[in-house]
All heavy atoms as atom14 arrays in JSON, in Angstrom:
{
  "sequence": "TGPSPRDVTPEATEEVCEKILPGFGEKMRAVSLTYVPT",
  "atom14_mask": [
    [1, 1, 1, 1, 1, 1, 1, 0, 0, 0, 0, 0, 0, 0],
    [1, 1, 1, 1, 0, 0, 0, 0, 0, 0, 0, 0, 0, 0],
    [1, 1, 1, 1, 1, 1, 1, 0, 0, 0, 0, 0, 0, 0],
    [1, 1, 1, 1, 1, 1, 0, 0, 0, 0, 0, 0, 0, 0],
    [1, 1, 1, 1, 1, 1, 1, 0, 0, 0, 0, 0, 0, 0],
    [1, 1, 1, 1, 1, 1, 1, 1, 1, 1, 1, 0, 0, 0],
    [1, 1, 1, 1, 1, 1, 1, 1, 0, 0, 0, 0, 0, 0],
    [1, 1, 1, 1, 1, 1, 1, 0, 0, 0, 0, 0, 0, 0],
    [1, 1, 1, 1, 1, 1, 1, 0, 0, 0, 0, 0, 0, 0],
    [1, 1, 1, 1, 1, 1, 1, 0, 0, 0, 0, 0, 0, 0],
    [1, 1, 1, 1, 1, 1, 1, 1, 1, 0, 0, 0, 0, 0],
    [1, 1, 1, 1, 1, 0, 0, 0, 0, 0, 0, 0, 0, 0],
    [1, 1, 1, 1, 1, 1, 1, 0, 0, 0, 0, 0, 0, 0],
    [1, 1, 1, 1, 1, 1, 1, 1, 1, 0, 0, 0, 0, 0],
    [1, 1, 1, 1, 1, 1, 1, 1, 1, 0, 0, 0, 0, 0],
    [1, 1, 1, 1, 1, 1, 1, 0, 0, 0, 0, 0, 0, 0],
    [1, 1, 1, 1, 1, 1, 0, 0, 0, 0, 0, 0, 0, 0],
    [1, 1, 1, 1, 1, 1, 1, 1, 1, 0, 0, 0, 0, 0],
    [1, 1, 1, 1, 1, 1, 1, 1, 1, 0, 0, 0, 0, 0],
    [1, 1, 1, 1, 1, 1, 1, 1, 0, 0, 0, 0, 0, 0],
    [1, 1, 1, 1, 1, 1, 1, 1, 0, 0, 0, 0, 0, 0],
    [1, 1, 1, 1, 1, 1, 1, 0, 0, 0, 0, 0, 0, 0],
    [1, 1, 1, 1, 0, 0, 0, 0, 0, 0, 0, 0, 0, 0],
    [1, 1, 1, 1, 1, 1, 1, 1, 1, 1, 1, 0, 0, 0],
    [1, 1, 1, 1, 0, 0, 0, 0, 0, 0, 0, 0, 0, 0],
    [1, 1, 1, 1, 1, 1, 1, 1, 1, 0, 0, 0, 0, 0],
    [1, 1, 1, 1, 1, 1, 1, 1, 1, 0, 0, 0, 0, 0],
    [1, 1, 1, 1, 1, 1, 1, 1, 0, 0, 0, 0, 0, 0],
    [1, 1, 1, 1, 1, 1, 1, 1, 1, 1, 1, 0, 0, 0],
    [1, 1, 1, 1, 1, 0, 0, 0, 0, 0, 0, 0, 0, 0],
    [1, 1, 1, 1, 1, 1, 1, 0, 0, 0, 0, 0, 0, 0],
    [1, 1, 1, 1, 1, 1, 0, 0, 0, 0, 0, 0, 0, 0],
    [1, 1, 1, 1, 1, 1, 1, 1, 0, 0, 0, 0, 0, 0],
    [1, 1, 1, 1, 1, 1, 1, 0, 0, 0, 0, 0, 0, 0],
    [1, 1, 1, 1, 1, 1, 1, 1, 1, 1, 1, 1, 0, 0],
    [1, 1, 1, 1, 1, 1, 1, 0, 0, 0, 0, 0, 0, 0],
    [1, 1, 1, 1, 1, 1, 1, 0, 0, 0, 0, 0, 0, 0],
    [1, 1, 1, 1, 1, 1, 1, 0, 0, 0, 0, 0, 0, 0]
  ],
  "atom14_positions": [
    [[-28.3, -4.53, -13.42], [-28.65, -3.74, -12.24], [-28.07, -4.3, -10.96], [-28.49, -3.93, -9.88], [-30.18, -3.64, -12.13], [-30.72, -4.96, -12.12], [-30.77, -2.84, -13.27], [0.0, 0.0, 0.0], [0.0, 0.0, 0.0], [0.0, 0.0, 0.0], [0.0, 0.0, 0.0], [0.0, 0.0, 0.0], [0.0, 0.0, 0.0], [0.0, 0.0, 0.0]],
    [[-27.11, -5.21, -11.06], [-26.49, -5.76, -9.86], [-27.28, -6.92, -9.3], [-28.15, -7.47, -9.96], [0.0, 0.0, 0.0], [0.0, 0.0, 0.0], [0.0, 0.0, 0.0], [0.0, 0.0, 0.0], [0.0, 0.0, 0.0], [0.0, 0.0, 0.0], [0.0, 0.0, 0.0], [0.0, 0.0, 0.0], [0.0, 0.0, 0.0], [0.0, 0.0, 0.0]],
    [[-26.97, -7.31, -8.06], [-27.63, -8.49, -7.48], [-29.04, -8.17, -6.98], [-29.32, -8.16, -5.8], [-26.71, -8.87, -6.32], [-26.1, -7.58, -5.92], [-25.96, -6.76, -7.18], [0.0, 0.0, 0.0], [0.0, 0.0, 0.0], [0.0, 0.0, 0.0], [0.0, 0.0, 0.0], [0.0, 0.0, 0.0], [0.0, 0.0, 0.0], [0.0, 0.0, 0.0]],
    [[-29.91, -7.9, -7.92], [-31.3, -7.61, -7.58], [-32.2, -8.47, -8.46], [-31.75, -9.01, -9.47], [-31.61, -6.13, -7.81], [-31.63, -5.85, -9.19], [0.0, 0.0, 0.0], [0.0, 0.0, 0.0], [0.0, 0.0, 0.0], [0.0, 0.0, 0.0], [0.0, 0.0, 0.0], [0.0, 0.0, 0.0], [0.0, 0.0, 0.0], [0.0, 0.0, 0.0]],
    [[-33.44, -8.61, -8.09], [-34.36, -9.41, -8.92], [-34.45, -8.91, -10.36], [-34.71, -9.67, -11.28], [-35.71, -9.27, -8.21], [-35.37, -8.94, -6.8], [-34.1, -8.14, -6.87], [0.0, 0.0, 0.0], [0.0, 0.0, 0.0], [0.0, 0.0, 0.0], [0.0, 0.0, 0.0], [0.0, 0.0, 0.0], [0.0, 0.0, 0.0], [0.0, 0.0, 0.0]],
    [[-34.23, -7.63, -10.57], [-34.35, -7.04, -11.91], [-33.13, -7.36, -12.79], [-33.18, -7.2, -14.0], [-34.53, -5.54, -11.76], [-34.74, -4.85, -13.06], [-35.61, -3.63, -12.9], [-35.53, -2.79, -14.08], [-36.04, -3.12, -15.26], [-36.69, -4.24, -15.42], [-35.93, -2.31, -16.29], [0.0, 0.0, 0.0], [0.0, 0.0, 0.0], [0.0, 0.0, 0.0]],
    [[-32.03, -7.78, -12.19], [-30.83, -8.07, -12.97], [-31.01, -9.39, -13.71], [-30.97, -10.46, -13.11], [-29.61, -8.15, -12.06], [-28.33, -8.44, -12.84], [-28.32, -8.27, -14.06], [-27.35, -8.87, -12.21], [0.0, 0.0, 0.0], [0.0, 0.0, 0.0], [0.0, 0.0, 0.0], [0.0, 0.0, 0.0], [0.0, 0.0, 0.0], [0.0, 0.0, 0.0]],
    [[-31.21, -9.31, -15.01], [-31.45, -10.5, -15.83], [-30.39, -10.69, -16.91], [-30.51, -11.57, -17.75], [-32.85, -10.45, -16.47], [-33.95, -10.51, -15.41], [-33.01, -9.21, -17.34], [0.0, 0.0, 0.0], [0.0, 0.0, 0.0], [0.0, 0.0, 0.0], [0.0, 0.0, 0.0], [0.0, 0.0, 0.0], [0.0, 0.0, 0.0], [0.0, 0.0, 0.0]],
    [[-29.34, -9.85, -16.88], [-28.31, -9.93, -17.92], [-27.67, -11.31, -17.99], [-27.55, -11.87, -19.09], [-27.27, -8.82, -17.73], [-27.93, -7.55, -17.75], [-26.22, -8.86, -18.82], [0.0, 0.0, 0.0], [0.0, 0.0, 0.0], [0.0, 0.0, 0.0], [0.0, 0.0, 0.0], [0.0, 0.0, 0.0], [0.0, 0.0, 0.0], [0.0, 0.0, 0.0]],
    [[-27.23, -11.9, -16.88], [-26.61, -13.22, -16.97], [-27.54, -14.29, -17.54], [-27.14, -15.11, -18.38], [-26.21, -13.56, -15.53], [-26.08, -12.23, -14.86], [-27.13, -11.37, -15.51], [0.0, 0.0, 0.0], [0.0, 0.0, 0.0], [0.0, 0.0, 0.0], [0.0, 0.0, 0.0], [0.0, 0.0, 0.0], [0.0, 0.0, 0.0], [0.0, 0.0, 0.0]],
    [[-28.81, -14.28, -17.11], [-29.76, -15.28, -17.6], [-30.06, -15.08, -19.08], [-30.15, -16.05, -19.85], [-31.05, -15.23, -16.78], [-30.9, -15.71, -15.35], [-30.32, -14.68, -14.39], [-30.15, -13.51, -14.78], [-30.03, -15.05, -13.25], [0.0, 0.0, 0.0], [0.0, 0.0, 0.0], [0.0, 0.0, 0.0], [0.0, 0.0, 0.0], [0.0, 0.0, 0.0]],
    [[-30.22, -13.83, -19.49], [-30.48, -13.54, -20.91], [-29.3, -13.96, -21.77], [-29.48, -14.47, -22.88], [-30.77, -12.05, -21.09], [0.0, 0.0, 0.0], [0.0, 0.0, 0.0], [0.0, 0.0, 0.0], [0.0, 0.0, 0.0], [0.0, 0.0, 0.0], [0.0, 0.0, 0.0], [0.0, 0.0, 0.0], [0.0, 0.0, 0.0], [0.0, 0.0, 0.0]],
    [[-28.11, -13.75, -21.28], [-26.9, -14.13, -22.01], [-26.8, -15.64, -22.14], [-26.54, -16.17, -23.23], [-25.64, -13.57, -21.3], [-25.76, -12.14, -21.18], [-24.38, -13.9, -22.07], [0.0, 0.0, 0.0], [0.0, 0.0, 0.0], [0.0, 0.0, 0.0], [0.0, 0.0, 0.0], [0.0, 0.0, 0.0], [0.0, 0.0, 0.0], [0.0, 0.0, 0.0]],
    [[-27.01, -16.34, -21.04], [-26.93, -17.81, -21.06], [-27.95, -18.43, -21.99], [-27.68, -19.47, -22.6], [-27.1, -18.37, -19.65], [-25.89, -18.14, -18.77], [-26.07, -18.67, -17.37], [-27.11, -19.3, -17.08], [-25.16, -18.45, -16.55], [0.0, 0.0, 0.0], [0.0, 0.0, 0.0], [0.0, 0.0, 0.0], [0.0, 0.0, 0.0], [0.0, 0.0, 0.0]],
    [[-29.12, -17.82, -22.11], [-30.19, -18.35, -22.98], [-29.75, -18.49, -24.43], [-30.22, -19.37, -25.13], [-31.42, -17.44, -22.93], [-32.43, -17.82, -21.91], [-33.7, -16.99, -22.04], [-33.9, -16.3, -23.05], [-34.5, -17.05, -21.1], [0.0, 0.0, 0.0], [0.0, 0.0, 0.0], [0.0, 0.0, 0.0], [0.0, 0.0, 0.0], [0.0, 0.0, 0.0]],
    [[-28.89, -17.61, -24.89], [-28.54, -17.59, -26.31], [-27.1, -18.03, -26.59], [-26.68, -18.04, -27.74], [-28.8, -16.19, -26.92], [-30.27, -15.85, -26.84], [-27.95, -15.13, -26.25], [0.0, 0.0, 0.0], [0.0, 0.0, 0.0], [0.0, 0.0, 0.0], [0.0, 0.0, 0.0], [0.0, 0.0, 0.0], [0.0, 0.0, 0.0], [0.0, 0.0, 0.0]],
    [[-26.37, -18.42, -25.56], [-24.97, -18.83, -25.75], [-24.85, -20.27, -26.23], [-25.58, -21.15, -25.77], [-24.2, -18.71, -24.44], [-23.74, -17.04, -24.07], [0.0, 0.0, 0.0], [0.0, 0.0, 0.0], [0.0, 0.0, 0.0], [0.0, 0.0, 0.0], [0.0, 0.0, 0.0], [0.0, 0.0, 0.0], [0.0, 0.0, 0.0], [0.0, 0.0, 0.0]],
    [[-23.95, -20.49, -27.14], [-23.6, -21.84, -27.54], [-22.47, -22.37, -26.68], [-22.33, -23.57, -26.5], [-23.17, -21.86, -29.01], [-24.31, -21.59, -29.97], [-23.87, -21.6, -31.41], [-22.76, -22.08, -31.72], [-24.65, -21.13, -32.25], [0.0, 0.0, 0.0], [0.0, 0.0, 0.0], [0.0, 0.0, 0.0], [0.0, 0.0, 0.0], [0.0, 0.0, 0.0]],
    [[-21.64, -21.48, -26.17], [-20.51, -21.91, -25.34], [-20.29, -20.9, -24.22], [-20.16, -19.72, -24.46], [-19.25, -22.0, -26.19], [-18.07, -22.57, -25.43], [-16.92, -22.9, -26.34], [-17.31, -24.06, -27.2], [-16.41, -25.15, -27.25], [0.0, 0.0, 0.0], [0.0, 0.0, 0.0], [0.0, 0.0, 0.0], [0.0, 0.0, 0.0], [0.0, 0.0, 0.0]],
    [[-20.25, -21.4, -23.0], [-19.96, -20.6, -21.82], [-18.51, -20.89, -21.43], [-18.06, -22.04, -21.51], [-20.89, -20.98, -20.65], [-22.36, -20.82, -21.04], [-20.56, -20.19, -19.4], [-22.88, -19.42, -21.1], [0.0, 0.0, 0.0], [0.0, 0.0, 0.0], [0.0, 0.0, 0.0], [0.0, 0.0, 0.0], [0.0, 0.0, 0.0], [0.0, 0.0, 0.0]],
    [[-17.78, -19.88, -21.0], [-16.4, -20.07, -20.56], [-16.37, -20.19, -19.04], [-16.3, -19.19, -18.33], [-15.53, -18.89, -21.01], [-15.45, -18.66, -22.51], [-14.67, -17.4, -22.81], [-14.8, -19.85, -23.19], [0.0, 0.0, 0.0], [0.0, 0.0, 0.0], [0.0, 0.0, 0.0], [0.0, 0.0, 0.0], [0.0, 0.0, 0.0], [0.0, 0.0, 0.0]],
    [[-16.44, -21.41, -18.51], [-16.46, -21.59, -17.05], [-15.21, -20.99, -16.42], [-14.11, -21.13, -16.93], [-16.48, -23.11, -16.87], [-16.96, -23.65, -18.17], [-16.49, -22.68, -19.22], [0.0, 0.0, 0.0], [0.0, 0.0, 0.0], [0.0, 0.0, 0.0], [0.0, 0.0, 0.0], [0.0, 0.0, 0.0], [0.0, 0.0, 0.0], [0.0, 0.0, 0.0]],
    [[-15.4, -20.31, -15.31], [-14.28, -19.75, -14.57], [-13.88, -18.34, -15.0], [-13.18, -17.64, -14.28], [0.0, 0.0, 0.0], [0.0, 0.0, 0.0], [0.0, 0.0, 0.0], [0.0, 0.0, 0.0], [0.0, 0.0, 0.0], [0.0, 0.0, 0.0], [0.0, 0.0, 0.0], [0.0, 0.0, 0.0], [0.0, 0.0, 0.0], [0.0, 0.0, 0.0]],
    [[-14.32, -17.92, -16.18], [-13.94, -16.61, -16.68], [-14.47, -15.5, -15.77], [-13.74, -14.57, -15.41], [-14.45, -16.44, -18.1], [-13.84, -15.28, -18.83], [-12.57, -15.37, -19.36], [-14.54, -14.1, -18.99], [-12.0, -14.31, -20.03], [-13.99, -13.03, -19.66], [-12.71, -13.14, -20.18], [0.0, 0.0, 0.0], [0.0, 0.0, 0.0], [0.0, 0.0, 0.0]],
    [[-15.73, -15.58, -15.39], [-16.32, -14.57, -14.5], [-15.64, -14.53, -13.14], [-15.4, -13.47, -12.58], [0.0, 0.0, 0.0], [0.0, 0.0, 0.0], [0.0, 0.0, 0.0], [0.0, 0.0, 0.0], [0.0, 0.0, 0.0], [0.0, 0.0, 0.0], [0.0, 0.0, 0.0], [0.0, 0.0, 0.0], [0.0, 0.0, 0.0], [0.0, 0.0, 0.0]],
    [[-15.3, -15.7, -12.62], [-14.63, -15.77, -11.32], [-13.26, -15.1, -11.38], [-12.86, -14.38, -10.47], [-14.5, -17.22, -10.85], [-15.8, -17.84, -10.38], [-16.73, -18.24, -11.52], [-16.3, -18.24, -12.69], [-17.9, -18.52, -11.24], [0.0, 0.0, 0.0], [0.0, 0.0, 0.0], [0.0, 0.0, 0.0], [0.0, 0.0, 0.0], [0.0, 0.0, 0.0]],
    [[-12.55, -15.32, -12.45], [-11.23, -14.69, -12.61], [-11.37, -13.17, -12.71], [-10.59, -12.43, -12.08], [-10.53, -15.25, -13.86], [-9.17, -14.66, -14.09], [-8.22, -14.98, -12.96], [-6.83, -14.47, -13.27], [-5.92, -14.63, -12.15], [0.0, 0.0, 0.0], [0.0, 0.0, 0.0], [0.0, 0.0, 0.0], [0.0, 0.0, 0.0], [0.0, 0.0, 0.0]],
    [[-12.34, -12.7, -13.46], [-12.54, -11.26, -13.58], [-12.89, -10.65, -12.22], [-12.39, -9.58, -11.86], [-13.65, -10.95, -14.59], [-13.24, -11.24, -16.01], [-14.42, -10.83, -17.33], [-15.9, -10.36, -16.57], [0.0, 0.0, 0.0], [0.0, 0.0, 0.0], [0.0, 0.0, 0.0], [0.0, 0.0, 0.0], [0.0, 0.0, 0.0], [0.0, 0.0, 0.0]],
    [[-13.75, -11.32, -11.45], [-14.1, -10.81, -10.12], [-12.9, -10.82, -9.2], [-12.7, -9.89, -8.42], [-15.25, -11.62, -9.52], [-16.61, -11.23, -10.07], [-17.74, -11.94, -9.37], [-17.83, -13.34, -9.77], [-18.4, -13.76, -10.88], [-18.94, -12.9, -11.72], [-18.44, -15.04, -11.18], [0.0, 0.0, 0.0], [0.0, 0.0, 0.0], [0.0, 0.0, 0.0]],
    [[-12.06, -11.85, -9.27], [-10.87, -11.93, -8.41], [-9.93, -10.76, -8.67], [-9.41, -10.14, -7.74], [-10.15, -13.26, -8.63], [0.0, 0.0, 0.0], [0.0, 0.0, 0.0], [0.0, 0.0, 0.0], [0.0, 0.0, 0.0], [0.0, 0.0, 0.0], [0.0, 0.0, 0.0], [0.0, 0.0, 0.0], [0.0, 0.0, 0.0], [0.0, 0.0, 0.0]],
    [[-9.72, -10.44, -9.93], [-8.86, -9.3, -10.28], [-9.51, -8.0, -9.82], [-8.86, -7.12, -9.25], [-8.57, -9.28, -11.8], [-7.88, -7.99, -12.19], [-7.72, -10.48, -12.2], [0.0, 0.0, 0.0], [0.0, 0.0, 0.0], [0.0, 0.0, 0.0], [0.0, 0.0, 0.0], [0.0, 0.0, 0.0], [0.0, 0.0, 0.0], [0.0, 0.0, 0.0]],
    [[-10.82, -7.88, -10.03], [-11.54, -6.65, -9.65], [-11.51, -6.42, -8.16], [-11.53, -5.26, -7.7], [-12.99, -6.72, -10.13], [-13.04, -6.73, -11.53], [0.0, 0.0, 0.0], [0.0, 0.0, 0.0], [0.0, 0.0, 0.0], [0.0, 0.0, 0.0], [0.0, 0.0, 0.0], [0.0, 0.0, 0.0], [0.0, 0.0, 0.0], [0.0, 0.0, 0.0]],
    [[-11.46, -7.49, -7.37], [-11.45, -7.34, -5.91], [-10.24, -6.56, -5.41], [-10.3, -5.96, -4.34], [-11.47, -8.72, -5.24], [-12.85, -9.33, -5.03], [-12.74, -10.76, -4.53], [-13.67, -8.49, -4.07], [0.0, 0.0, 0.0], [0.0, 0.0, 0.0], [0.0, 0.0, 0.0], [0.0, 0.0, 0.0], [0.0, 0.0, 0.0], [0.0, 0.0, 0.0]],
    [[-9.17, -6.54, -6.17], [-8.0, -5.76, -5.75], [-8.26, -4.26, -5.88], [-7.54, -3.46, -5.3], [-6.74, -6.14, -6.56], [-6.95, -5.84, -7.94], [-6.41, -7.61, -6.4], [0.0, 0.0, 0.0], [0.0, 0.0, 0.0], [0.0, 0.0, 0.0], [0.0, 0.0, 0.0], [0.0, 0.0, 0.0], [0.0, 0.0, 0.0], [0.0, 0.0, 0.0]],
    [[-9.29, -3.88, -6.63], [-9.61, -2.47, -6.85], [-10.93, -2.06, -6.21], [-11.07, -0.92, -5.77], [-9.7, -2.17, -8.36], [-8.44, -2.51, -9.11], [-8.35, -3.7, -9.82], [-7.35, -1.65, -9.1], [-7.19, -4.02, -10.51], [-6.19, -1.96, -9.78], [-6.11, -3.15, -10.48], [-4.96, -3.46, -11.16], [0.0, 0.0, 0.0], [0.0, 0.0, 0.0]],
    [[-11.89, -2.97, -6.21], [-13.25, -2.64, -5.74], [-13.7, -3.72, -4.76], [-13.89, -4.88, -5.14], [-14.24, -2.6, -6.94], [-15.63, -2.23, -6.47], [-13.76, -1.64, -8.0], [0.0, 0.0, 0.0], [0.0, 0.0, 0.0], [0.0, 0.0, 0.0], [0.0, 0.0, 0.0], [0.0, 0.0, 0.0], [0.0, 0.0, 0.0], [0.0, 0.0, 0.0]],
    [[-13.86, -3.36, -3.47], [-14.23, -4.37, -2.49], [-15.58, -5.05, -2.71], [-15.8, -6.17, -2.24], [-14.24, -3.61, -1.16], [-13.98, -2.19, -1.47], [-13.69, -2.05, -2.91], [0.0, 0.0, 0.0], [0.0, 0.0, 0.0], [0.0, 0.0, 0.0], [0.0, 0.0, 0.0], [0.0, 0.0, 0.0], [0.0, 0.0, 0.0], [0.0, 0.0, 0.0]],
    [[-16.47, -4.43, -3.45], [-17.78, -5.02, -3.69], [-17.84, -5.81, -5.0], [-18.91, -6.24, -5.41], [-18.87, -3.92, -3.71], [-18.53, -2.95, -4.71], [-19.02, -3.25, -2.36], [0.0, 0.0, 0.0], [0.0, 0.0, 0.0], [0.0, 0.0, 0.0], [0.0, 0.0, 0.0], [0.0, 0.0, 0.0], [0.0, 0.0, 0.0], [0.0, 0.0, 0.0]]
  ]
}
């Protein structure tokens, strides 16, 4: 649900992950910024 208190997707995902790919989300956001300012 975006940056709201109800948005729990990242926390739920991290709870069950054995391996997180650091920097992957930042790279995806950087590319997305060229298309979507938010």
